Amino acid sequence: MSYDLYIAICKPLHYGTLLGSRACVHMAAAAWATGFLNALLHTANTFSLPLCKGNALDQFFCEIPQILKLSCSQSYLRELGLMVVSICLAFGCFVFIVVSYVQIFRAVLRIPSEQGRHKAFSTCLPHLAMVSLFVSTGMFAYLKPPSISSPSLDLVVSVLYLLIPPTLNPLIYSMRNTELKDALRKLMRIHAWNVDS
């Protein structure tokens, strides 16, 4: 999304060339493939760990740090190595997003009209808010000191970074779509007309 915004704002005349259907397919395939490979490696590794502290988690899903707490062998070091690889991958994505937004904000601040700057910022800020929420709560979940860890806090934080951004993303991005807004207005008018009759 940040690359799409970067191209749309910083290189609008080249948008069709740089972000054609082939580029979109390649980016989606790369995201899905790395996510699938990362999940597959973690799943295979965590299921090979011997659990000696029971098998009940204080979460509503199997999160890796919670599973590692149940392990009693030294083989959890492999999982920590995989987590380092995942963190490096996530950090690379984070750097890419930050660099994209720095370029976007530099371009937006050079727009002479106030209306143009407002339109550009209103396009960027919902995505930036969702990325910030996801990254900050994810970092807090995985990097918080064990002294402040509690099952209820872990549950709240995991809900914040796993459920809120994916739930709000379609709503935020679809409400920027003119056709969807028009269809919603039409639906509301039809509903109001049916209620009045």
N, C-alpha and C. Protein backbone atom coordinates (compact mmCIF):
# COMPACT_ATOMS: atom_id res chain seq x y z
N MET A 1 0.83 -1.19 0.00
CA MET A 1 0.00 0.00 0.00
C MET A 1 0.88 1.26 0.00
N SER A 2 1.95 1.23 0.77
CA SER A 2 2.81 2.42 0.82
C SER A 2 3.47 2.66 -0.54
N TYR A 3 3.82 1.58 -1.24
CA TYR A 3 4.43 1.74 -2.56
C TYR A 3 3.40 2.29 -3.54
N ASP A 4 2.17 1.83 -3.45
CA ASP A 4 1.09 2.34 -4.29
C ASP A 4 0.90 3.84 -4.06
N LEU A 5 0.87 4.25 -2.79
CA LEU A 5 0.73 5.68 -2.48
C LEU A 5 1.95 6.47 -2.96
N TYR A 6 3.13 5.88 -2.79
CA TYR A 6 4.36 6.55 -3.24
C TYR A 6 4.30 6.81 -4.74
N ILE A 7 3.94 5.80 -5.52
CA ILE A 7 3.86 5.97 -6.97
C ILE A 7 2.76 6.96 -7.33
N ALA A 8 1.60 6.85 -6.68
CA ALA A 8 0.47 7.74 -7.00
C ALA A 8 0.78 9.20 -6.70
N ILE A 9 1.54 9.46 -5.65
CA ILE A 9 1.80 10.84 -5.25
C ILE A 9 3.11 11.37 -5.83
N CYS A 10 4.15 10.56 -5.80
CA CYS A 10 5.46 11.05 -6.24
C CYS A 10 5.71 10.89 -7.74
N LYS A 11 5.10 9.90 -8.37
CA LYS A 11 5.31 9.67 -9.80
C LYS A 11 3.98 9.39 -10.49
N PRO A 12 3.04 10.33 -10.41
CA PRO A 12 1.69 10.05 -10.93
C PRO A 12 1.65 9.78 -12.44
N LEU A 13 2.54 10.39 -13.20
CA LEU A 13 2.52 10.18 -14.64
C LEU A 13 3.02 8.79 -15.05
N HIS A 14 3.76 8.14 -14.16
CA HIS A 14 4.29 6.81 -14.44
C HIS A 14 3.51 5.72 -13.71
N TYR A 15 2.38 6.07 -13.11
CA TYR A 15 1.63 5.12 -12.29
C TYR A 15 1.25 3.86 -13.08
N GLY A 16 0.67 4.03 -14.25
CA GLY A 16 0.25 2.90 -15.06
C GLY A 16 1.40 2.01 -15.49
N THR A 17 2.56 2.61 -15.71
CA THR A 17 3.74 1.84 -16.14
C THR A 17 4.37 1.10 -14.96
N LEU A 18 4.56 1.80 -13.85
CA LEU A 18 5.25 1.20 -12.71
C LEU A 18 4.37 0.25 -11.90
N LEU A 19 3.07 0.49 -11.91
CA LEU A 19 2.18 -0.31 -11.08
C LEU A 19 1.07 -0.94 -11.91
N GLY A 20 1.45 -1.58 -13.00
CA GLY A 20 0.49 -2.28 -13.83
C GLY A 20 0.04 -3.57 -13.17
N SER A 21 -0.79 -4.32 -13.86
CA SER A 21 -1.33 -5.55 -13.29
C SER A 21 -0.22 -6.58 -13.03
N ARG A 22 0.79 -6.61 -13.88
CA ARG A 22 1.89 -7.56 -13.69
C ARG A 22 2.66 -7.24 -12.40
N ALA A 23 2.94 -5.96 -12.16
CA ALA A 23 3.66 -5.57 -10.93
C ALA A 23 2.82 -5.89 -9.70
N CYS A 24 1.52 -5.64 -9.78
CA CYS A 24 0.64 -5.95 -8.64
C CYS A 24 0.62 -7.45 -8.35
N VAL A 25 0.55 -8.27 -9.41
CA VAL A 25 0.56 -9.72 -9.22
C VAL A 25 1.89 -10.16 -8.60
N HIS A 26 3.00 -9.60 -9.06
CA HIS A 26 4.31 -9.97 -8.50
C HIS A 26 4.42 -9.57 -7.02
N MET A 27 3.94 -8.37 -6.69
CA MET A 27 4.02 -7.94 -5.29
C MET A 27 3.11 -8.78 -4.40
N ALA A 28 1.90 -9.07 -4.86
CA ALA A 28 0.99 -9.91 -4.08
C ALA A 28 1.56 -11.32 -3.92
N ALA A 29 2.11 -11.87 -4.99
CA ALA A 29 2.70 -13.21 -4.91
C ALA A 29 3.89 -13.24 -3.96
N ALA A 30 4.71 -12.20 -4.00
CA ALA A 30 5.86 -12.15 -3.09
C ALA A 30 5.40 -12.06 -1.63
N ALA A 31 4.39 -11.24 -1.37
CA ALA A 31 3.87 -11.11 0.00
C ALA A 31 3.27 -12.42 0.47
N TRP A 32 2.46 -13.06 -0.36
CA TRP A 32 1.84 -14.33 0.03
C TRP A 32 2.88 -15.43 0.20
N ALA A 33 3.85 -15.48 -0.70
CA ALA A 33 4.86 -16.54 -0.63
C ALA A 33 5.73 -16.39 0.62
N THR A 34 6.18 -15.17 0.91
CA THR A 34 7.01 -14.99 2.11
C THR A 34 6.19 -15.24 3.38
N GLY A 35 4.94 -14.80 3.40
CA GLY A 35 4.09 -15.06 4.56
C GLY A 35 3.84 -16.55 4.75
N PHE A 36 3.56 -17.25 3.65
CA PHE A 36 3.32 -18.69 3.72
C PHE A 36 4.57 -19.44 4.16
N LEU A 37 5.72 -19.10 3.58
CA LEU A 37 6.96 -19.77 3.94
C LEU A 37 7.32 -19.51 5.41
N ASN A 38 7.15 -18.28 5.85
CA ASN A 38 7.43 -17.93 7.24
C ASN A 38 6.51 -18.72 8.17
N ALA A 39 5.22 -18.75 7.86
CA ALA A 39 4.27 -19.49 8.70
C ALA A 39 4.57 -20.99 8.69
N LEU A 40 4.92 -21.52 7.53
CA LEU A 40 5.22 -22.94 7.42
C LEU A 40 6.44 -23.32 8.26
N LEU A 41 7.49 -22.50 8.20
CA LEU A 41 8.69 -22.77 8.99
C LEU A 41 8.39 -22.72 10.49
N HIS A 42 7.65 -21.70 10.92
CA HIS A 42 7.31 -21.58 12.34
C HIS A 42 6.42 -22.74 12.79
N THR A 43 5.45 -23.09 11.97
CA THR A 43 4.53 -24.17 12.33
C THR A 43 5.27 -25.50 12.45
N ALA A 44 6.08 -25.81 11.46
CA ALA A 44 6.84 -27.07 11.50
C ALA A 44 7.76 -27.12 12.71
N ASN A 45 8.39 -26.01 13.00
CA ASN A 45 9.34 -25.99 14.12
C ASN A 45 8.63 -26.06 15.46
N THR A 46 7.56 -25.29 15.64
CA THR A 46 6.89 -25.29 16.95
C THR A 46 6.20 -26.61 17.24
N PHE A 47 5.70 -27.29 16.20
CA PHE A 47 5.06 -28.58 16.45
C PHE A 47 6.09 -29.68 16.74
N SER A 48 7.35 -29.42 16.47
CA SER A 48 8.39 -30.41 16.79
C SER A 48 8.92 -30.21 18.21
N LEU A 49 8.52 -29.14 18.90
CA LEU A 49 8.99 -28.89 20.26
C LEU A 49 8.28 -29.81 21.26
N PRO A 50 9.01 -30.41 22.18
CA PRO A 50 8.34 -31.18 23.23
C PRO A 50 7.76 -30.22 24.28
N LEU A 51 6.50 -30.45 24.65
CA LEU A 51 5.84 -29.60 25.64
C LEU A 51 5.77 -30.34 26.95
N CYS A 52 6.37 -29.79 28.00
CA CYS A 52 6.35 -30.48 29.29
C CYS A 52 5.55 -29.71 30.34
N LYS A 53 5.02 -28.56 29.97
CA LYS A 53 4.24 -27.78 30.93
C LYS A 53 2.76 -27.78 30.53
N GLY A 54 2.31 -28.88 29.97
CA GLY A 54 0.93 -28.99 29.53
C GLY A 54 0.80 -28.47 28.10
N ASN A 55 -0.44 -28.41 27.65
CA ASN A 55 -0.67 -27.91 26.30
C ASN A 55 -1.78 -26.86 26.25
N ALA A 56 -2.09 -26.25 27.38
CA ALA A 56 -3.13 -25.22 27.44
C ALA A 56 -2.48 -23.84 27.36
N LEU A 57 -2.98 -23.02 26.46
CA LEU A 57 -2.48 -21.66 26.28
C LEU A 57 -3.48 -20.66 26.84
N ASP A 58 -2.97 -19.52 27.30
CA ASP A 58 -3.83 -18.46 27.78
C ASP A 58 -4.15 -17.48 26.65
N GLN A 59 -4.36 -18.00 25.47
CA GLN A 59 -4.68 -17.18 24.30
C GLN A 59 -5.82 -17.85 23.56
N PHE A 60 -6.42 -17.14 22.62
CA PHE A 60 -7.46 -17.75 21.81
C PHE A 60 -6.90 -18.23 20.48
N PHE A 61 -5.58 -18.18 20.30
CA PHE A 61 -4.90 -18.73 19.14
C PHE A 61 -3.50 -19.15 19.57
N CYS A 62 -2.86 -19.96 18.76
CA CYS A 62 -1.52 -20.47 19.10
C CYS A 62 -0.46 -19.45 18.68
N GLU A 63 -0.09 -18.61 19.59
CA GLU A 63 0.95 -17.63 19.31
C GLU A 63 2.29 -18.20 19.75
N ILE A 64 3.31 -17.98 18.96
CA ILE A 64 4.60 -18.64 19.16
C ILE A 64 5.21 -18.36 20.54
N PRO A 65 5.26 -17.11 21.03
CA PRO A 65 5.85 -16.93 22.36
C PRO A 65 5.12 -17.71 23.46
N GLN A 66 3.80 -17.86 23.31
CA GLN A 66 3.04 -18.62 24.31
C GLN A 66 3.40 -20.10 24.25
N ILE A 67 3.60 -20.62 23.04
CA ILE A 67 3.99 -22.03 22.89
C ILE A 67 5.40 -22.25 23.44
N LEU A 68 6.30 -21.29 23.21
CA LEU A 68 7.67 -21.43 23.71
C LEU A 68 7.71 -21.48 25.23
N LYS A 69 6.75 -20.83 25.89
CA LYS A 69 6.69 -20.87 27.35
C LYS A 69 6.39 -22.28 27.86
N LEU A 70 5.73 -23.08 27.03
CA LEU A 70 5.37 -24.44 27.43
C LEU A 70 6.47 -25.46 27.12
N SER A 71 7.46 -25.06 26.35
CA SER A 71 8.51 -26.00 25.95
C SER A 71 9.54 -26.15 27.06
N CYS A 72 10.08 -27.36 27.16
CA CYS A 72 11.08 -27.61 28.20
C CYS A 72 12.41 -28.05 27.63
N SER A 73 12.56 -28.06 26.31
CA SER A 73 13.82 -28.51 25.73
C SER A 73 14.63 -27.32 25.24
N GLN A 74 15.87 -27.59 24.90
CA GLN A 74 16.74 -26.55 24.38
C GLN A 74 16.51 -26.31 22.88
N SER A 75 15.63 -27.09 22.28
CA SER A 75 15.39 -26.92 20.84
C SER A 75 14.60 -25.65 20.54
N TYR A 76 14.16 -24.96 21.57
CA TYR A 76 13.47 -23.69 21.33
C TYR A 76 14.41 -22.66 20.73
N LEU A 77 15.71 -22.89 20.81
CA LEU A 77 16.68 -21.97 20.20
C LEU A 77 16.49 -21.91 18.68
N ARG A 78 16.07 -23.03 18.07
CA ARG A 78 15.77 -23.00 16.63
C ARG A 78 14.64 -22.03 16.36
N GLU A 79 13.61 -22.07 17.22
CA GLU A 79 12.47 -21.16 17.03
C GLU A 79 12.89 -19.72 17.24
N LEU A 80 13.77 -19.49 18.18
CA LEU A 80 14.26 -18.12 18.38
C LEU A 80 15.03 -17.65 17.15
N GLY A 81 15.78 -18.57 16.53
CA GLY A 81 16.47 -18.23 15.28
C GLY A 81 15.49 -17.88 14.18
N LEU A 82 14.41 -18.65 14.08
CA LEU A 82 13.37 -18.34 13.09
C LEU A 82 12.70 -17.00 13.39
N MET A 83 12.53 -16.71 14.67
CA MET A 83 11.93 -15.43 15.04
C MET A 83 12.86 -14.27 14.64
N VAL A 84 14.16 -14.48 14.77
CA VAL A 84 15.11 -13.44 14.34
C VAL A 84 14.99 -13.22 12.84
N VAL A 85 14.87 -14.30 12.08
CA VAL A 85 14.68 -14.17 10.63
C VAL A 85 13.38 -13.41 10.34
N SER A 86 12.32 -13.75 11.06
CA SER A 86 11.04 -13.06 10.88
C SER A 86 11.14 -11.58 11.23
N ILE A 87 11.85 -11.29 12.29
CA ILE A 87 12.03 -9.89 12.70
C ILE A 87 12.82 -9.13 11.64
N CYS A 88 13.83 -9.76 11.08
CA CYS A 88 14.61 -9.11 10.01
C CYS A 88 13.73 -8.84 8.80
N LEU A 89 12.88 -9.80 8.45
CA LEU A 89 11.96 -9.64 7.34
C LEU A 89 10.97 -8.50 7.62
N ALA A 90 10.43 -8.51 8.82
CA ALA A 90 9.49 -7.45 9.20
C ALA A 90 10.18 -6.09 9.25
N PHE A 91 11.42 -6.06 9.73
CA PHE A 91 12.17 -4.80 9.78
C PHE A 91 12.43 -4.27 8.38
N GLY A 92 12.74 -5.17 7.45
CA GLY A 92 12.93 -4.76 6.05
C GLY A 92 11.66 -4.13 5.49
N CYS A 93 10.52 -4.75 5.76
CA CYS A 93 9.24 -4.17 5.31
C CYS A 93 8.99 -2.82 5.98
N PHE A 94 9.30 -2.74 7.26
CA PHE A 94 9.11 -1.49 8.00
C PHE A 94 9.97 -0.37 7.42
N VAL A 95 11.23 -0.68 7.11
CA VAL A 95 12.13 0.32 6.52
C VAL A 95 11.58 0.77 5.16
N PHE A 96 11.10 -0.18 4.36
CA PHE A 96 10.52 0.14 3.05
C PHE A 96 9.32 1.09 3.22
N ILE A 97 8.47 0.82 4.20
CA ILE A 97 7.30 1.68 4.45
C ILE A 97 7.74 3.06 4.90
N VAL A 98 8.71 3.12 5.81
CA VAL A 98 9.18 4.42 6.31
C VAL A 98 9.80 5.24 5.19
N VAL A 99 10.65 4.62 4.38
CA VAL A 99 11.28 5.34 3.27
C VAL A 99 10.22 5.83 2.29
N SER A 100 9.22 4.99 2.00
CA SER A 100 8.13 5.40 1.10
C SER A 100 7.40 6.61 1.66
N TYR A 101 7.08 6.58 2.96
CA TYR A 101 6.34 7.70 3.55
C TYR A 101 7.18 8.96 3.66
N VAL A 102 8.46 8.84 3.89
CA VAL A 102 9.32 10.03 3.89
C VAL A 102 9.27 10.69 2.52
N GLN A 103 9.39 9.88 1.46
CA GLN A 103 9.31 10.42 0.10
C GLN A 103 7.92 11.03 -0.17
N ILE A 104 6.88 10.35 0.29
CA ILE A 104 5.51 10.86 0.09
C ILE A 104 5.34 12.20 0.79
N PHE A 105 5.74 12.30 2.06
CA PHE A 105 5.57 13.55 2.79
C PHE A 105 6.41 14.67 2.20
N ARG A 106 7.60 14.35 1.71
CA ARG A 106 8.41 15.38 1.05
C ARG A 106 7.68 15.89 -0.19
N ALA A 107 7.09 14.99 -0.96
CA ALA A 107 6.37 15.40 -2.18
C ALA A 107 5.10 16.18 -1.83
N VAL A 108 4.40 15.75 -0.80
CA VAL A 108 3.15 16.41 -0.41
C VAL A 108 3.43 17.82 0.10
N LEU A 109 4.48 17.98 0.86
CA LEU A 109 4.79 19.31 1.41
C LEU A 109 5.23 20.28 0.33
N ARG A 110 5.61 19.77 -0.85
CA ARG A 110 5.97 20.64 -1.96
C ARG A 110 4.76 21.03 -2.82
N ILE A 111 3.59 20.44 -2.55
CA ILE A 111 2.38 20.78 -3.30
C ILE A 111 1.99 22.21 -2.93
N PRO A 112 1.82 23.09 -3.91
CA PRO A 112 1.57 24.50 -3.59
C PRO A 112 0.19 24.78 -2.98
N SER A 113 -0.83 24.06 -3.40
CA SER A 113 -2.18 24.38 -2.91
C SER A 113 -2.50 23.64 -1.62
N GLU A 114 -3.21 24.32 -0.74
CA GLU A 114 -3.64 23.74 0.53
C GLU A 114 -4.59 22.56 0.29
N GLN A 115 -5.47 22.71 -0.70
CA GLN A 115 -6.43 21.65 -1.02
C GLN A 115 -5.70 20.40 -1.53
N GLY A 116 -4.69 20.58 -2.35
CA GLY A 116 -3.91 19.44 -2.85
C GLY A 116 -3.19 18.72 -1.74
N ARG A 117 -2.60 19.49 -0.80
CA ARG A 117 -1.92 18.86 0.34
C ARG A 117 -2.91 18.10 1.20
N HIS A 118 -4.09 18.70 1.44
CA HIS A 118 -5.11 18.04 2.26
C HIS A 118 -5.56 16.73 1.63
N LYS A 119 -5.78 16.74 0.31
CA LYS A 119 -6.22 15.53 -0.39
C LYS A 119 -5.16 14.45 -0.31
N ALA A 120 -3.90 14.82 -0.49
CA ALA A 120 -2.81 13.84 -0.43
C ALA A 120 -2.67 13.27 0.97
N PHE A 121 -2.72 14.13 1.99
CA PHE A 121 -2.61 13.64 3.36
C PHE A 121 -3.80 12.77 3.74
N SER A 122 -5.00 13.13 3.29
CA SER A 122 -6.17 12.33 3.65
C SER A 122 -6.11 10.95 3.00
N THR A 123 -5.36 10.81 1.93
CA THR A 123 -5.17 9.51 1.30
C THR A 123 -4.17 8.67 2.09
N CYS A 124 -3.12 9.30 2.62
CA CYS A 124 -2.03 8.59 3.29
C CYS A 124 -2.33 8.25 4.76
N LEU A 125 -2.99 9.15 5.44
CA LEU A 125 -3.10 9.00 6.90
C LEU A 125 -3.85 7.75 7.36
N PRO A 126 -4.94 7.30 6.71
CA PRO A 126 -5.57 6.06 7.19
C PRO A 126 -4.63 4.86 7.11
N HIS A 127 -3.88 4.75 6.03
CA HIS A 127 -2.93 3.64 5.92
C HIS A 127 -1.84 3.76 6.97
N LEU A 128 -1.33 4.96 7.16
CA LEU A 128 -0.29 5.16 8.15
C LEU A 128 -0.79 4.85 9.56
N ALA A 129 -2.04 5.21 9.85
CA ALA A 129 -2.62 4.91 11.16
C ALA A 129 -2.72 3.40 11.40
N MET A 130 -3.17 2.66 10.38
CA MET A 130 -3.30 1.20 10.52
C MET A 130 -1.93 0.54 10.66
N VAL A 131 -0.96 0.98 9.88
CA VAL A 131 0.39 0.42 9.98
C VAL A 131 0.97 0.73 11.36
N SER A 132 0.77 1.95 11.84
CA SER A 132 1.29 2.33 13.16
C SER A 132 0.67 1.50 14.27
N LEU A 133 -0.65 1.31 14.19
CA LEU A 133 -1.33 0.49 15.21
C LEU A 133 -0.80 -0.94 15.18
N PHE A 134 -0.69 -1.51 14.00
CA PHE A 134 -0.21 -2.88 13.87
C PHE A 134 1.23 -3.02 14.38
N VAL A 135 2.10 -2.14 13.94
CA VAL A 135 3.52 -2.24 14.31
C VAL A 135 3.72 -1.97 15.80
N SER A 136 3.08 -0.93 16.33
CA SER A 136 3.31 -0.60 17.74
C SER A 136 2.77 -1.68 18.67
N THR A 137 1.56 -2.20 18.40
CA THR A 137 1.03 -3.24 19.29
C THR A 137 1.78 -4.56 19.08
N GLY A 138 2.18 -4.85 17.85
CA GLY A 138 2.98 -6.06 17.61
C GLY A 138 4.32 -6.00 18.31
N MET A 139 4.98 -4.85 18.23
CA MET A 139 6.27 -4.69 18.92
C MET A 139 6.09 -4.80 20.43
N PHE A 140 5.03 -4.19 20.94
CA PHE A 140 4.78 -4.28 22.37
C PHE A 140 4.52 -5.73 22.79
N ALA A 141 3.76 -6.46 21.98
CA ALA A 141 3.44 -7.85 22.32
C ALA A 141 4.68 -8.72 22.38
N TYR A 142 5.60 -8.51 21.44
CA TYR A 142 6.76 -9.40 21.36
C TYR A 142 7.98 -8.88 22.11
N LEU A 143 8.07 -7.58 22.36
CA LEU A 143 9.27 -7.03 22.97
C LEU A 143 9.08 -6.52 24.39
N LYS A 144 7.87 -6.66 24.94
CA LYS A 144 7.66 -6.17 26.30
C LYS A 144 8.42 -7.03 27.31
N PRO A 145 8.87 -6.42 28.40
CA PRO A 145 9.60 -7.21 29.40
C PRO A 145 8.66 -8.21 30.08
N PRO A 146 9.17 -9.37 30.44
CA PRO A 146 8.33 -10.38 31.09
C PRO A 146 7.73 -9.91 32.41
N SER A 147 8.35 -8.90 33.04
CA SER A 147 7.84 -8.43 34.33
C SER A 147 6.45 -7.80 34.22
N ILE A 148 6.10 -7.24 33.06
CA ILE A 148 4.77 -6.64 32.92
C ILE A 148 3.81 -7.55 32.15
N SER A 149 4.23 -8.77 31.91
CA SER A 149 3.40 -9.70 31.15
C SER A 149 2.33 -10.30 32.05
N SER A 150 1.11 -10.34 31.54
CA SER A 150 0.01 -11.01 32.21
C SER A 150 -0.89 -11.59 31.13
N PRO A 151 -1.61 -12.67 31.43
CA PRO A 151 -2.47 -13.28 30.41
C PRO A 151 -3.51 -12.31 29.84
N SER A 152 -4.09 -11.47 30.69
CA SER A 152 -5.12 -10.56 30.19
C SER A 152 -4.51 -9.47 29.31
N LEU A 153 -3.35 -8.95 29.68
CA LEU A 153 -2.68 -7.93 28.86
C LEU A 153 -2.24 -8.54 27.53
N ASP A 154 -1.70 -9.75 27.57
CA ASP A 154 -1.31 -10.42 26.33
C ASP A 154 -2.50 -10.61 25.40
N LEU A 155 -3.63 -10.97 25.96
CA LEU A 155 -4.84 -11.18 25.16
C LEU A 155 -5.31 -9.88 24.52
N VAL A 156 -5.34 -8.80 25.29
CA VAL A 156 -5.79 -7.50 24.76
C VAL A 156 -4.85 -7.02 23.66
N VAL A 157 -3.56 -7.12 23.89
CA VAL A 157 -2.59 -6.66 22.89
C VAL A 157 -2.68 -7.50 21.62
N SER A 158 -2.84 -8.80 21.76
CA SER A 158 -2.93 -9.64 20.57
C SER A 158 -4.21 -9.35 19.79
N VAL A 159 -5.30 -9.04 20.48
CA VAL A 159 -6.53 -8.65 19.77
C VAL A 159 -6.29 -7.34 19.03
N LEU A 160 -5.58 -6.41 19.65
CA LEU A 160 -5.32 -5.12 19.00
C LEU A 160 -4.54 -5.29 17.71
N TYR A 161 -3.51 -6.13 17.71
CA TYR A 161 -2.71 -6.19 16.48
C TYR A 161 -3.17 -7.25 15.51
N LEU A 162 -3.99 -8.20 15.93
CA LEU A 162 -4.45 -9.23 14.99
C LEU A 162 -5.85 -8.99 14.44
N LEU A 163 -6.72 -8.37 15.19
CA LEU A 163 -8.10 -8.23 14.74
C LEU A 163 -8.49 -6.83 14.30
N ILE A 164 -8.00 -5.81 14.99
CA ILE A 164 -8.44 -4.45 14.68
C ILE A 164 -7.98 -3.98 13.30
N PRO A 165 -6.67 -4.03 12.96
CA PRO A 165 -6.28 -3.55 11.62
C PRO A 165 -6.96 -4.28 10.46
N PRO A 166 -7.02 -5.63 10.46
CA PRO A 166 -7.71 -6.27 9.33
C PRO A 166 -9.20 -5.96 9.28
N THR A 167 -9.81 -5.71 10.42
CA THR A 167 -11.24 -5.39 10.44
C THR A 167 -11.48 -3.97 9.92
N LEU A 168 -10.63 -3.04 10.29
CA LEU A 168 -10.83 -1.65 9.89
C LEU A 168 -10.32 -1.34 8.48
N ASN A 169 -9.34 -2.11 7.98
CA ASN A 169 -8.78 -1.84 6.66
C ASN A 169 -9.83 -1.77 5.55
N PRO A 170 -10.67 -2.77 5.39
CA PRO A 170 -11.66 -2.68 4.29
C PRO A 170 -12.59 -1.48 4.46
N LEU A 171 -12.97 -1.20 5.68
CA LEU A 171 -13.86 -0.07 5.92
C LEU A 171 -13.18 1.25 5.55
N ILE A 172 -11.96 1.44 6.00
CA ILE A 172 -11.24 2.69 5.74
C ILE A 172 -10.98 2.86 4.25
N TYR A 173 -10.47 1.83 3.60
CA TYR A 173 -10.09 1.97 2.20
C TYR A 173 -11.29 1.98 1.26
N SER A 174 -12.34 1.24 1.59
CA SER A 174 -13.49 1.24 0.70
C SER A 174 -14.27 2.54 0.80
N MET A 175 -14.22 3.22 1.93
CA MET A 175 -14.96 4.48 2.05
C MET A 175 -14.29 5.60 1.27
N ARG A 176 -13.09 5.37 0.76
CA ARG A 176 -12.44 6.35 -0.10
C ARG A 176 -12.87 6.15 -1.56
N ASN A 177 -13.54 5.04 -1.83
CA ASN A 177 -13.96 4.70 -3.18
C ASN A 177 -15.27 5.43 -3.51
N THR A 178 -15.27 6.22 -4.56
CA THR A 178 -16.43 7.03 -4.92
C THR A 178 -17.62 6.17 -5.30
N GLU A 179 -17.38 5.09 -6.06
CA GLU A 179 -18.49 4.23 -6.47
C GLU A 179 -19.16 3.59 -5.26
N LEU A 180 -18.36 3.19 -4.28
CA LEU A 180 -18.94 2.59 -3.08
C LEU A 180 -19.75 3.62 -2.29
N LYS A 181 -19.23 4.83 -2.18
CA LYS A 181 -19.98 5.89 -1.49
C LYS A 181 -21.31 6.14 -2.18
N ASP A 182 -21.29 6.22 -3.51
CA ASP A 182 -22.53 6.46 -4.25
C ASP A 182 -23.51 5.31 -4.06
N ALA A 183 -23.02 4.07 -4.09
CA ALA A 183 -23.88 2.91 -3.89
C ALA A 183 -24.47 2.91 -2.48
N LEU A 184 -23.67 3.31 -1.48
CA LEU A 184 -24.16 3.37 -0.11
C LEU A 184 -25.23 4.44 0.04
N ARG A 185 -25.02 5.61 -0.59
CA ARG A 185 -26.03 6.67 -0.54
C ARG A 185 -27.33 6.20 -1.19
N LYS A 186 -27.22 5.53 -2.33
CA LYS A 186 -28.39 5.03 -3.03
C LYS A 186 -29.14 4.01 -2.17
N LEU A 187 -28.38 3.13 -1.54
CA LEU A 187 -28.98 2.13 -0.65
C LEU A 187 -29.69 2.80 0.53
N MET A 188 -29.08 3.83 1.09
CA MET A 188 -29.70 4.55 2.21
C MET A 188 -30.99 5.25 1.76
N ARG A 189 -30.96 5.85 0.56
CA ARG A 189 -32.17 6.51 0.04
C ARG A 189 -33.29 5.50 -0.18
N ILE A 190 -32.94 4.34 -0.74
CA ILE A 190 -33.96 3.30 -0.97
C ILE A 190 -34.52 2.83 0.36
N HIS A 191 -33.63 2.63 1.34
CA HIS A 191 -34.08 2.19 2.66
C HIS A 191 -34.97 3.25 3.30
N ALA A 192 -34.57 4.51 3.22
CA ALA A 192 -35.38 5.59 3.78
C ALA A 192 -36.73 5.70 3.08
N TRP A 193 -36.75 5.50 1.76
CA TRP A 193 -37.99 5.56 0.99
C TRP A 193 -38.91 4.40 1.39
N ASN A 194 -38.33 3.19 1.62
CA ASN A 194 -39.14 2.04 2.04
C ASN A 194 -39.70 2.22 3.45
N VAL A 195 -38.93 2.84 4.31
CA VAL A 195 -39.39 3.08 5.69
C VAL A 195 -40.51 4.10 5.70
N ASP A 196 -40.39 5.15 4.86
CA ASP A 196 -41.40 6.20 4.81
C ASP A 196 -42.70 5.71 4.19
N SER A 197 -42.66 4.73 3.26
CA SER A 197 -43.87 4.30 2.60
C SER A 197 -44.65 3.29 3.34
